Structures are given as C-alpha cells and as structure tokens.
Amino acid sequence: MSVNREELKELIDFIQEEDAIQVYDFIGYLNMKREKETIEQMNLDNLSEDEGIIYQIQHSREDRKNGRIYDRKQGLDYLQRKIKEHESE
C-alpha cells in the first residue's frame, strides 16, 4: 500500500493539538515496535548460527528421547554434587 506522505502531513497540520500528540506518540510506538522486531530477528539469526547452542539443543533432544529427564530437585542435587567435586580437586 502506498501512502502520499504530503497528504499525510497536511492531514496532521489540520488536526487538533491533542490529536497531534496522540499521532506523534503512535508514530513513536510504531518505530519502537519495528526496532524491537529487528533486534529480535538479529538475535534469532545469531542463535541459529551458534554451534554451541545447536549442540545443546540436539543433546537435550537426545536426553529426552532416552528418558534422561530430571525434575528440579534432581537437577539441583546434581549441580551441588558437581560443585563439591570441583571444589575438592
């Protein structure tokens, strides 16, 4: 869809000040929304190329497939054991 920007500017010139403030805020909102979408896409692109993340996801899928799933307490116990092992080295 094409918008005649000159016509849009003229419309803005003739609206009441309160409405102009709302239009200004809305344009700011649209710009922030577009920037957020761009940043999210950049982050997604970076994650999709990160070999470490890809490996972790694949390993996690294999763990779930093979029944190696732990609840919160089991996970915390495992981490505490690993910390103690590391500290005793």
N, C-alpha and C. Protein backbone atom coordinates (compact mmCIF):
# COMPACT_ATOMS: atom_id res chain seq x y z
N MET A 1 0.85 -1.18 0.00
CA MET A 1 0.00 0.00 0.00
C MET A 1 0.89 1.23 0.00
N SER A 2 0.62 2.14 -0.86
CA SER A 2 1.40 3.37 -0.97
C SER A 2 0.65 4.51 -0.28
N VAL A 3 1.41 5.33 0.42
CA VAL A 3 0.81 6.46 1.14
C VAL A 3 1.41 7.75 0.60
N ASN A 4 0.56 8.70 0.32
CA ASN A 4 1.02 10.01 -0.09
C ASN A 4 1.45 10.76 1.16
N ARG A 5 2.74 10.88 1.36
CA ARG A 5 3.27 11.48 2.59
C ARG A 5 2.92 12.96 2.69
N GLU A 6 2.85 13.65 1.57
CA GLU A 6 2.48 15.07 1.60
C GLU A 6 1.05 15.24 2.09
N GLU A 7 0.18 14.36 1.62
CA GLU A 7 -1.22 14.41 2.06
C GLU A 7 -1.32 14.09 3.55
N LEU A 8 -0.52 13.12 3.98
CA LEU A 8 -0.49 12.76 5.39
C LEU A 8 -0.03 13.95 6.24
N LYS A 9 1.00 14.64 5.78
CA LYS A 9 1.49 15.82 6.51
C LYS A 9 0.42 16.91 6.59
N GLU A 10 -0.31 17.10 5.51
CA GLU A 10 -1.38 18.10 5.50
C GLU A 10 -2.48 17.72 6.49
N LEU A 11 -2.82 16.44 6.53
CA LEU A 11 -3.84 15.99 7.49
C LEU A 11 -3.40 16.27 8.92
N ILE A 12 -2.13 16.03 9.19
CA ILE A 12 -1.61 16.28 10.53
C ILE A 12 -1.66 17.77 10.85
N ASP A 13 -1.39 18.62 9.86
CA ASP A 13 -1.41 20.07 10.08
C ASP A 13 -2.79 20.57 10.51
N PHE A 14 -3.84 19.87 10.11
CA PHE A 14 -5.19 20.36 10.38
C PHE A 14 -5.88 19.69 11.57
N ILE A 15 -5.22 18.78 12.25
CA ILE A 15 -5.88 18.15 13.40
C ILE A 15 -5.59 18.95 14.66
N GLN A 16 -6.41 18.74 15.65
CA GLN A 16 -6.27 19.46 16.93
C GLN A 16 -4.97 19.04 17.62
N GLU A 17 -4.47 19.92 18.47
CA GLU A 17 -3.19 19.68 19.14
C GLU A 17 -3.19 18.37 19.94
N GLU A 18 -4.30 18.09 20.63
CA GLU A 18 -4.37 16.85 21.43
C GLU A 18 -4.25 15.62 20.53
N ASP A 19 -4.90 15.68 19.39
CA ASP A 19 -4.82 14.56 18.45
C ASP A 19 -3.42 14.46 17.85
N ALA A 20 -2.79 15.60 17.60
CA ALA A 20 -1.43 15.60 17.05
C ALA A 20 -0.47 14.91 18.03
N ILE A 21 -0.67 15.13 19.31
CA ILE A 21 0.17 14.48 20.33
C ILE A 21 -0.02 12.97 20.27
N GLN A 22 -1.27 12.54 20.10
CA GLN A 22 -1.53 11.10 20.01
C GLN A 22 -0.91 10.51 18.75
N VAL A 23 -0.98 11.23 17.65
CA VAL A 23 -0.36 10.77 16.40
C VAL A 23 1.15 10.65 16.59
N TYR A 24 1.74 11.66 17.22
CA TYR A 24 3.18 11.66 17.49
C TYR A 24 3.57 10.45 18.34
N ASP A 25 2.80 10.20 19.41
CA ASP A 25 3.07 9.04 20.28
C ASP A 25 2.93 7.73 19.51
N PHE A 26 1.91 7.66 18.66
CA PHE A 26 1.69 6.43 17.89
C PHE A 26 2.83 6.17 16.92
N ILE A 27 3.32 7.22 16.28
CA ILE A 27 4.46 7.05 15.37
C ILE A 27 5.68 6.57 16.15
N GLY A 28 5.88 7.12 17.34
CA GLY A 28 6.98 6.65 18.20
C GLY A 28 6.81 5.19 18.55
N TYR A 29 5.58 4.79 18.86
CA TYR A 29 5.30 3.38 19.16
C TYR A 29 5.63 2.49 17.97
N LEU A 30 5.21 2.91 16.78
CA LEU A 30 5.49 2.10 15.58
C LEU A 30 6.99 1.96 15.35
N ASN A 31 7.74 3.05 15.54
CA ASN A 31 9.19 2.98 15.37
C ASN A 31 9.83 2.04 16.38
N MET A 32 9.40 2.11 17.63
CA MET A 32 9.95 1.22 18.66
C MET A 32 9.60 -0.23 18.36
N LYS A 33 8.39 -0.48 17.91
CA LYS A 33 7.95 -1.83 17.56
C LYS A 33 8.81 -2.39 16.43
N ARG A 34 9.06 -1.60 15.43
CA ARG A 34 9.88 -2.03 14.30
C ARG A 34 11.31 -2.32 14.75
N GLU A 35 11.88 -1.46 15.61
CA GLU A 35 13.23 -1.67 16.12
C GLU A 35 13.31 -2.96 16.93
N LYS A 36 12.28 -3.20 17.76
CA LYS A 36 12.25 -4.42 18.58
C LYS A 36 12.21 -5.65 17.69
N GLU A 37 11.38 -5.63 16.65
CA GLU A 37 11.29 -6.77 15.74
C GLU A 37 12.63 -7.01 15.05
N THR A 38 13.31 -5.94 14.67
CA THR A 38 14.61 -6.06 14.01
C THR A 38 15.63 -6.69 14.95
N ILE A 39 15.65 -6.22 16.19
CA ILE A 39 16.59 -6.77 17.18
C ILE A 39 16.29 -8.23 17.46
N GLU A 40 15.01 -8.57 17.62
CA GLU A 40 14.64 -9.97 17.87
C GLU A 40 15.08 -10.87 16.71
N GLN A 41 14.91 -10.38 15.48
CA GLN A 41 15.31 -11.18 14.32
C GLN A 41 16.83 -11.34 14.29
N MET A 42 17.56 -10.28 14.64
CA MET A 42 19.02 -10.37 14.68
C MET A 42 19.45 -11.39 15.73
N ASN A 43 18.81 -11.36 16.90
CA ASN A 43 19.13 -12.32 17.95
C ASN A 43 18.83 -13.74 17.50
N LEU A 44 17.70 -13.93 16.84
CA LEU A 44 17.33 -15.25 16.33
C LEU A 44 18.34 -15.74 15.30
N ASP A 45 18.75 -14.83 14.42
CA ASP A 45 19.75 -15.19 13.40
C ASP A 45 21.06 -15.61 14.06
N ASN A 46 21.48 -14.86 15.08
CA ASN A 46 22.72 -15.20 15.79
C ASN A 46 22.61 -16.55 16.48
N LEU A 47 21.48 -16.80 17.13
CA LEU A 47 21.30 -18.08 17.83
C LEU A 47 21.27 -19.24 16.86
N SER A 48 20.66 -19.05 15.70
CA SER A 48 20.54 -20.15 14.74
C SER A 48 21.90 -20.51 14.13
N GLU A 49 22.89 -19.63 14.27
CA GLU A 49 24.21 -19.91 13.74
C GLU A 49 25.21 -20.33 14.82
N ASP A 50 24.80 -20.29 16.09
CA ASP A 50 25.70 -20.60 17.20
C ASP A 50 25.80 -22.12 17.36
N GLU A 51 26.96 -22.67 17.03
CA GLU A 51 27.15 -24.12 17.07
C GLU A 51 26.98 -24.69 18.47
N GLY A 52 27.38 -23.93 19.48
CA GLY A 52 27.23 -24.38 20.87
C GLY A 52 25.77 -24.56 21.25
N ILE A 53 24.94 -23.60 20.86
CA ILE A 53 23.51 -23.67 21.16
C ILE A 53 22.89 -24.84 20.40
N ILE A 54 23.24 -24.98 19.14
CA ILE A 54 22.70 -26.07 18.32
C ILE A 54 23.06 -27.42 18.95
N TYR A 55 24.32 -27.57 19.40
CA TYR A 55 24.75 -28.80 20.04
C TYR A 55 23.94 -29.06 21.32
N GLN A 56 23.75 -28.02 22.13
CA GLN A 56 22.99 -28.19 23.38
C GLN A 56 21.56 -28.62 23.10
N ILE A 57 20.94 -28.04 22.10
CA ILE A 57 19.56 -28.41 21.77
C ILE A 57 19.49 -29.86 21.29
N GLN A 58 20.42 -30.24 20.42
CA GLN A 58 20.43 -31.61 19.93
C GLN A 58 20.67 -32.59 21.08
N HIS A 59 21.60 -32.26 21.97
CA HIS A 59 21.90 -33.13 23.11
C HIS A 59 20.68 -33.23 24.04
N SER A 60 20.00 -32.10 24.25
CA SER A 60 18.80 -32.10 25.08
C SER A 60 17.71 -32.98 24.48
N ARG A 61 17.55 -32.91 23.17
CA ARG A 61 16.54 -33.75 22.50
C ARG A 61 16.87 -35.24 22.68
N GLU A 62 18.16 -35.57 22.54
CA GLU A 62 18.58 -36.97 22.74
C GLU A 62 18.32 -37.42 24.18
N ASP A 63 18.62 -36.55 25.14
CA ASP A 63 18.36 -36.88 26.55
C ASP A 63 16.89 -37.17 26.78
N ARG A 64 16.02 -36.31 26.26
CA ARG A 64 14.58 -36.51 26.43
C ARG A 64 14.12 -37.79 25.75
N LYS A 65 14.65 -38.03 24.56
CA LYS A 65 14.28 -39.24 23.82
C LYS A 65 14.67 -40.49 24.58
N ASN A 66 15.81 -40.44 25.28
CA ASN A 66 16.32 -41.60 26.01
C ASN A 66 15.90 -41.62 27.48
N GLY A 67 14.95 -40.75 27.86
CA GLY A 67 14.42 -40.78 29.22
C GLY A 67 15.31 -40.13 30.27
N ARG A 68 16.31 -39.39 29.85
CA ARG A 68 17.20 -38.72 30.81
C ARG A 68 16.63 -37.34 31.12
N ILE A 69 15.55 -37.34 31.87
CA ILE A 69 14.88 -36.09 32.25
C ILE A 69 14.85 -36.03 33.77
N TYR A 70 15.21 -34.88 34.31
CA TYR A 70 15.31 -34.72 35.75
C TYR A 70 14.38 -33.62 36.22
N ASP A 71 13.82 -33.81 37.43
CA ASP A 71 13.00 -32.75 37.98
C ASP A 71 13.91 -31.72 38.65
N ARG A 72 13.31 -30.70 39.21
CA ARG A 72 14.07 -29.59 39.79
C ARG A 72 15.01 -30.06 40.90
N LYS A 73 14.52 -30.88 41.81
CA LYS A 73 15.34 -31.34 42.93
C LYS A 73 16.51 -32.19 42.43
N GLN A 74 16.24 -33.07 41.49
CA GLN A 74 17.32 -33.90 40.94
C GLN A 74 18.37 -33.04 40.26
N GLY A 75 17.94 -32.03 39.56
CA GLY A 75 18.87 -31.12 38.89
C GLY A 75 19.73 -30.36 39.88
N LEU A 76 19.11 -29.86 40.95
CA LEU A 76 19.86 -29.14 41.97
C LEU A 76 20.84 -30.06 42.69
N ASP A 77 20.40 -31.28 42.99
CA ASP A 77 21.30 -32.25 43.63
C ASP A 77 22.51 -32.53 42.74
N TYR A 78 22.27 -32.69 41.46
CA TYR A 78 23.35 -32.95 40.51
C TYR A 78 24.34 -31.79 40.49
N LEU A 79 23.82 -30.57 40.43
CA LEU A 79 24.69 -29.40 40.40
C LEU A 79 25.50 -29.28 41.69
N GLN A 80 24.87 -29.56 42.83
CA GLN A 80 25.59 -29.49 44.10
C GLN A 80 26.71 -30.53 44.16
N ARG A 81 26.44 -31.73 43.65
CA ARG A 81 27.49 -32.76 43.61
C ARG A 81 28.66 -32.31 42.73
N LYS A 82 28.34 -31.74 41.58
CA LYS A 82 29.38 -31.29 40.67
C LYS A 82 30.21 -30.16 41.29
N ILE A 83 29.56 -29.27 42.02
CA ILE A 83 30.28 -28.18 42.68
C ILE A 83 31.22 -28.74 43.74
N LYS A 84 30.74 -29.69 44.53
CA LYS A 84 31.59 -30.32 45.55
C LYS A 84 32.77 -31.05 44.91
N GLU A 85 32.53 -31.75 43.81
CA GLU A 85 33.60 -32.44 43.11
C GLU A 85 34.65 -31.44 42.62
N HIS A 86 34.19 -30.35 42.09
CA HIS A 86 35.09 -29.33 41.57
C HIS A 86 35.90 -28.68 42.70
N GLU A 87 35.25 -28.43 43.82
CA GLU A 87 35.94 -27.79 44.95
C GLU A 87 36.95 -28.72 45.59
N SER A 88 36.70 -30.03 45.52
CA SER A 88 37.62 -30.99 46.16
C SER A 88 38.85 -31.28 45.29
N GLU A 89 38.88 -30.81 44.06
CA GLU A 89 40.02 -31.06 43.17
C GLU A 89 41.21 -30.24 43.55
